[in-house]
Amino acid sequence: MRISAIAVVCTVLGGCVITSESAEPYVAGYTADELRELTQTEKSILAKEFSKSLKDPDSAKFEWTKVPKNWSGKSILDYCATLNAKNSYGGYVGLQPFVGRITIAGGKISGGSITGLASNAGERQIVTEMCAKKGLDPSPRV
């Protein structure tokens, strides 16, 4: 019996494969080569704008995801990532997925807003599903 259980576990784990980031784009319609990291300036702009809706805006710590390299002709981009911020009691709540919008003006990121933020397990699933429907993944790839 013990050998059968070990064989089943080995078979299941044998099917697991670690893929590289370039093998699986996580923004619908874009390949990994068409995506880029946010610049420090863009992160600063978005952190300021995204934090406005939080109870303690100064406590926000973001885990950023990539954006398309080329967004010509677009004025708004859907965006999903994760953040950790303090709650009403002053404690960090842990990484929570969020869905938001990035505003583009003159070909540059000019602002943004959070349109949905998870605060419990049920909401995490809902926000992750909202992101998936837009072809986005809130989890940064390393």
C-alpha atoms as a PDB file:
ATOM      1  CA  MET A   1       0.000   0.000   0.000  1.00  0.00           C
ATOM      2  CA  ARG A   2       2.785   2.414   0.923  1.00  0.00           C
ATOM      3  CA  ILE A   3       4.591   1.725  -2.376  1.00  0.00           C
ATOM      4  CA  SER A   4       1.352   2.359  -4.307  1.00  0.00           C
ATOM      5  CA  ALA A   5       0.898   5.730  -2.599  1.00  0.00           C
ATOM      6  CA  ILE A   6       4.499   6.704  -3.346  1.00  0.00           C
ATOM      7  CA  ALA A   7       4.077   5.630  -6.969  1.00  0.00           C
ATOM      8  CA  VAL A   8       0.952   7.788  -7.315  1.00  0.00           C
ATOM      9  CA  VAL A   9       2.699  10.829  -5.800  1.00  0.00           C
ATOM     10  CA  CYS A  10       5.718  10.363  -8.074  1.00  0.00           C
ATOM     11  CA  THR A  11       3.470  10.041 -11.114  1.00  0.00           C
ATOM     12  CA  VAL A  12       1.538  13.197 -10.229  1.00  0.00           C
ATOM     13  CA  LEU A  13       4.678  15.197  -9.471  1.00  0.00           C
ATOM     14  CA  GLY A  14       6.343  13.873 -12.599  1.00  0.00           C
ATOM     15  CA  GLY A  15       3.684  15.696 -14.614  1.00  0.00           C
ATOM     16  CA  CYS A  16       4.597  19.045 -13.063  1.00  0.00           C
ATOM     17  CA  VAL A  17       6.791  21.194 -15.244  1.00  0.00           C
ATOM     18  CA  ILE A  18       8.365  24.548 -14.479  1.00  0.00           C
ATOM     19  CA  THR A  19       8.173  26.827 -17.481  1.00  0.00           C
ATOM     20  CA  SER A  20      10.095  29.983 -18.174  1.00  0.00           C
ATOM     21  CA  GLU A  21       8.364  33.345 -18.314  1.00  0.00           C
ATOM     22  CA  SER A  22       8.827  33.620 -22.051  1.00  0.00           C
ATOM     23  CA  ALA A  23       6.957  30.363 -22.616  1.00  0.00           C
ATOM     24  CA  GLU A  24       3.691  31.722 -21.259  1.00  0.00           C
ATOM     25  CA  PRO A  25       2.602  35.325 -21.742  1.00  0.00           C
ATOM     26  CA  TYR A  26       0.171  36.523 -19.094  1.00  0.00           C
ATOM     27  CA  VAL A  27      -1.294  39.520 -20.856  1.00  0.00           C
ATOM     28  CA  ALA A  28      -3.772  38.381 -23.487  1.00  0.00           C
ATOM     29  CA  GLY A  29      -2.769  39.169 -27.033  1.00  0.00           C
ATOM     30  CA  TYR A  30       0.906  39.753 -26.209  1.00  0.00           C
ATOM     31  CA  THR A  31       3.928  37.493 -26.284  1.00  0.00           C
ATOM     32  CA  ALA A  32       6.525  37.703 -23.519  1.00  0.00           C
ATOM     33  CA  ASP A  33       8.784  39.651 -25.909  1.00  0.00           C
ATOM     34  CA  GLU A  34       6.085  42.313 -26.281  1.00  0.00           C
ATOM     35  CA  LEU A  35       5.953  43.004 -22.523  1.00  0.00           C
ATOM     36  CA  ARG A  36       8.203  45.065 -20.278  1.00  0.00           C
ATOM     37  CA  GLU A  37       8.697  46.015 -16.646  1.00  0.00           C
ATOM     38  CA  LEU A  38       7.324  49.320 -15.446  1.00  0.00           C
ATOM     39  CA  THR A  39       9.968  52.028 -15.073  1.00  0.00           C
ATOM     40  CA  GLN A  40      10.621  53.528 -11.629  1.00  0.00           C
ATOM     41  CA  THR A  41       8.853  56.712 -12.715  1.00  0.00           C
ATOM     42  CA  GLU A  42       5.803  54.742 -13.876  1.00  0.00           C
ATOM     43  CA  LYS A  43       5.762  52.764 -10.621  1.00  0.00           C
ATOM     44  CA  SER A  44       5.856  56.015  -8.631  1.00  0.00           C
ATOM     45  CA  ILE A  45       2.968  57.495 -10.623  1.00  0.00           C
ATOM     46  CA  LEU A  46       0.870  54.350 -10.299  1.00  0.00           C
ATOM     47  CA  ALA A  47       1.682  53.790  -6.618  1.00  0.00           C
ATOM     48  CA  LYS A  48       0.527  57.327  -5.822  1.00  0.00           C
ATOM     49  CA  GLU A  49      -2.681  56.941  -7.837  1.00  0.00           C
ATOM     50  CA  PHE A  50      -3.483  53.344  -6.808  1.00  0.00           C
ATOM     51  CA  SER A  51      -2.872  54.123  -3.120  1.00  0.00           C
ATOM     52  CA  LYS A  52      -5.482  56.880  -2.986  1.00  0.00           C
ATOM     53  CA  SER A  53      -8.276  54.371  -2.356  1.00  0.00           C
ATOM     54  CA  LEU A  54      -6.496  52.613   0.541  1.00  0.00           C
ATOM     55  CA  LYS A  55      -7.038  53.203   4.275  1.00  0.00           C
ATOM     56  CA  ASP A  56      -3.316  53.847   4.767  1.00  0.00           C
ATOM     57  CA  PRO A  57      -1.961  54.986   1.377  1.00  0.00           C
ATOM     58  CA  ASP A  58       1.615  55.399   2.651  1.00  0.00           C
ATOM     59  CA  SER A  59       1.779  51.742   3.720  1.00  0.00           C
ATOM     60  CA  ALA A  60       1.170  50.258   0.246  1.00  0.00           C
ATOM     61  CA  LYS A  61       3.773  47.832  -1.076  1.00  0.00           C
ATOM     62  CA  PHE A  62       3.194  46.726  -4.655  1.00  0.00           C
ATOM     63  CA  GLU A  63       4.246  43.603  -6.531  1.00  0.00           C
ATOM     64  CA  TRP A  64       4.188  44.936 -10.091  1.00  0.00           C
ATOM     65  CA  THR A  65       3.394  42.976 -13.247  1.00  0.00           C
ATOM     66  CA  LYS A  66       4.497  43.783 -16.775  1.00  0.00           C
ATOM     67  CA  VAL A  67       2.813  46.039 -19.314  1.00  0.00           C
ATOM     68  CA  PRO A  68       2.871  46.000 -23.121  1.00  0.00           C
ATOM     69  CA  LYS A  69       5.899  47.693 -24.693  1.00  0.00           C
ATOM     70  CA  ASN A  70       3.682  49.393 -27.262  1.00  0.00           C
ATOM     71  CA  TRP A  71       0.294  50.856 -26.407  1.00  0.00           C
ATOM     72  CA  SER A  72      -0.035  53.337 -29.243  1.00  0.00           C
ATOM     73  CA  GLY A  73      -3.594  54.452 -29.823  1.00  0.00           C
ATOM     74  CA  LYS A  74      -4.727  53.451 -26.335  1.00  0.00           C
ATOM     75  CA  SER A  75      -5.726  55.826 -23.563  1.00  0.00           C
ATOM     76  CA  ILE A  76      -6.562  53.175 -20.951  1.00  0.00           C
ATOM     77  CA  LEU A  77      -4.994  49.808 -20.124  1.00  0.00           C
ATOM     78  CA  ASP A  78      -6.515  47.179 -17.864  1.00  0.00           C
ATOM     79  CA  TYR A  79      -3.981  46.120 -15.230  1.00  0.00           C
ATOM     80  CA  CYS A  80      -3.764  43.462 -12.522  1.00  0.00           C
ATOM     81  CA  ALA A  81      -1.125  43.033  -9.816  1.00  0.00           C
ATOM     82  CA  THR A  82      -0.870  42.501  -6.052  1.00  0.00           C
ATOM     83  CA  LEU A  83      -0.348  44.789  -3.088  1.00  0.00           C
ATOM     84  CA  ASN A  84       0.132  44.625   0.658  1.00  0.00           C
ATOM     85  CA  ALA A  85      -1.125  47.463   2.842  1.00  0.00           C
ATOM     86  CA  LYS A  86      -2.084  48.143   6.431  1.00  0.00           C
ATOM     87  CA  ASN A  87      -5.644  47.663   7.638  1.00  0.00           C
ATOM     88  CA  SER A  88      -7.589  49.745  10.180  1.00  0.00           C
ATOM     89  CA  TYR A  89      -5.688  48.065  13.023  1.00  0.00           C
ATOM     90  CA  GLY A  90      -2.290  49.055  11.634  1.00  0.00           C
ATOM     91  CA  GLY A  91      -1.225  45.568  10.564  1.00  0.00           C
ATOM     92  CA  TYR A  92      -0.264  44.428   7.093  1.00  0.00           C
ATOM     93  CA  VAL A  93      -2.890  42.126   5.579  1.00  0.00           C
ATOM     94  CA  GLY A  94      -0.665  40.199   3.152  1.00  0.00           C
ATOM     95  CA  LEU A  95      -0.528  40.306  -0.630  1.00  0.00           C
ATOM     96  CA  GLN A  96      -3.940  40.913  -2.172  1.00  0.00           C
ATOM     97  CA  PRO A  97      -4.706  40.841  -5.906  1.00  0.00           C
ATOM     98  CA  PHE A  98      -6.235  43.923  -7.470  1.00  0.00           C
ATOM     99  CA  VAL A  99      -7.606  44.942 -10.832  1.00  0.00           C
ATOM    100  CA  GLY A 100      -7.150  48.482 -12.031  1.00  0.00           C
ATOM    101  CA  ARG A 101      -6.855  50.810 -14.945  1.00  0.00           C
ATOM    102  CA  ILE A 102      -3.807  52.651 -16.191  1.00  0.00           C
ATOM    103  CA  THR A 103      -4.388  56.005 -17.872  1.00  0.00           C
ATOM    104  CA  ILE A 104      -2.161  56.942 -20.807  1.00  0.00           C
ATOM    105  CA  ALA A 105      -1.709  60.496 -22.080  1.00  0.00           C
ATOM    106  CA  GLY A 106       0.740  61.537 -24.757  1.00  0.00           C
ATOM    107  CA  GLY A 107       2.023  57.971 -25.017  1.00  0.00           C
ATOM    108  CA  LYS A 108       3.030  57.879 -21.339  1.00  0.00           C
ATOM    109  CA  ILE A 109       1.493  56.531 -18.149  1.00  0.00           C
ATOM    110  CA  SER A 110      -0.194  59.477 -16.472  1.00  0.00           C
ATOM    111  CA  GLY A 111      -2.323  57.871 -13.775  1.00  0.00           C
ATOM    112  CA  GLY A 112      -4.474  54.988 -12.736  1.00  0.00           C
ATOM    113  CA  SER A 113      -7.050  53.681 -10.315  1.00  0.00           C
ATOM    114  CA  ILE A 114      -7.928  50.467  -8.529  1.00  0.00           C
ATOM    115  CA  THR A 115     -11.313  49.164  -9.643  1.00  0.00           C
ATOM    116  CA  GLY A 116     -11.344  46.013  -7.516  1.00  0.00           C
ATOM    117  CA  LEU A 117      -9.303  44.917  -4.489  1.00  0.00           C
ATOM    118  CA  ALA A 118      -9.579  41.619  -2.628  1.00  0.00           C
ATOM    119  CA  SER A 119      -9.718  41.592   1.162  1.00  0.00           C
ATOM    120  CA  ASN A 120     -10.619  37.947   1.858  1.00  0.00           C
ATOM    121  CA  ALA A 121     -10.347  34.521   0.226  1.00  0.00           C
ATOM    122  CA  GLY A 122     -13.653  34.800  -1.640  1.00  0.00           C
ATOM    123  CA  GLU A 123     -12.790  38.214  -3.000  1.00  0.00           C
ATOM    124  CA  ARG A 124      -9.293  37.024  -3.984  1.00  0.00           C
ATOM    125  CA  GLN A 125     -10.916  34.398  -6.182  1.00  0.00           C
ATOM    126  CA  ILE A 126     -13.330  36.939  -7.690  1.00  0.00           C
ATOM    127  CA  VAL A 127     -10.583  39.486  -8.441  1.00  0.00           C
ATOM    128  CA  THR A 128      -8.335  36.785  -9.917  1.00  0.00           C
ATOM    129  CA  GLU A 129     -11.242  35.652 -12.130  1.00  0.00           C
ATOM    130  CA  MET A 130     -11.901  39.269 -13.179  1.00  0.00           C
ATOM    131  CA  CYS A 131      -8.255  39.554 -14.196  1.00  0.00           C
ATOM    132  CA  ALA A 132      -8.403  36.237 -16.064  1.00  0.00           C
ATOM    133  CA  LYS A 133     -11.449  37.417 -18.048  1.00  0.00           C
ATOM    134  CA  LYS A 134      -9.346  40.367 -19.204  1.00  0.00           C
ATOM    135  CA  GLY A 135      -6.474  38.018 -20.071  1.00  0.00           C
ATOM    136  CA  LEU A 136      -4.377  39.220 -17.116  1.00  0.00           C
ATOM    137  CA  ASP A 137      -2.659  37.539 -14.189  1.00  0.00           C
ATOM    138  CA  PRO A 138      -2.189  39.531 -10.961  1.00  0.00           C
ATOM    139  CA  SER A 139       0.793  37.422  -9.874  1.00  0.00           C
ATOM    140  CA  PRO A 140       4.164  38.835 -10.912  1.00  0.00           C
ATOM    141  CA  ARG A 141       6.384  36.337 -12.708  1.00  0.00           C
ATOM    142  CA  VAL A 142       9.968  36.062 -11.582  1.00  0.00           C
END
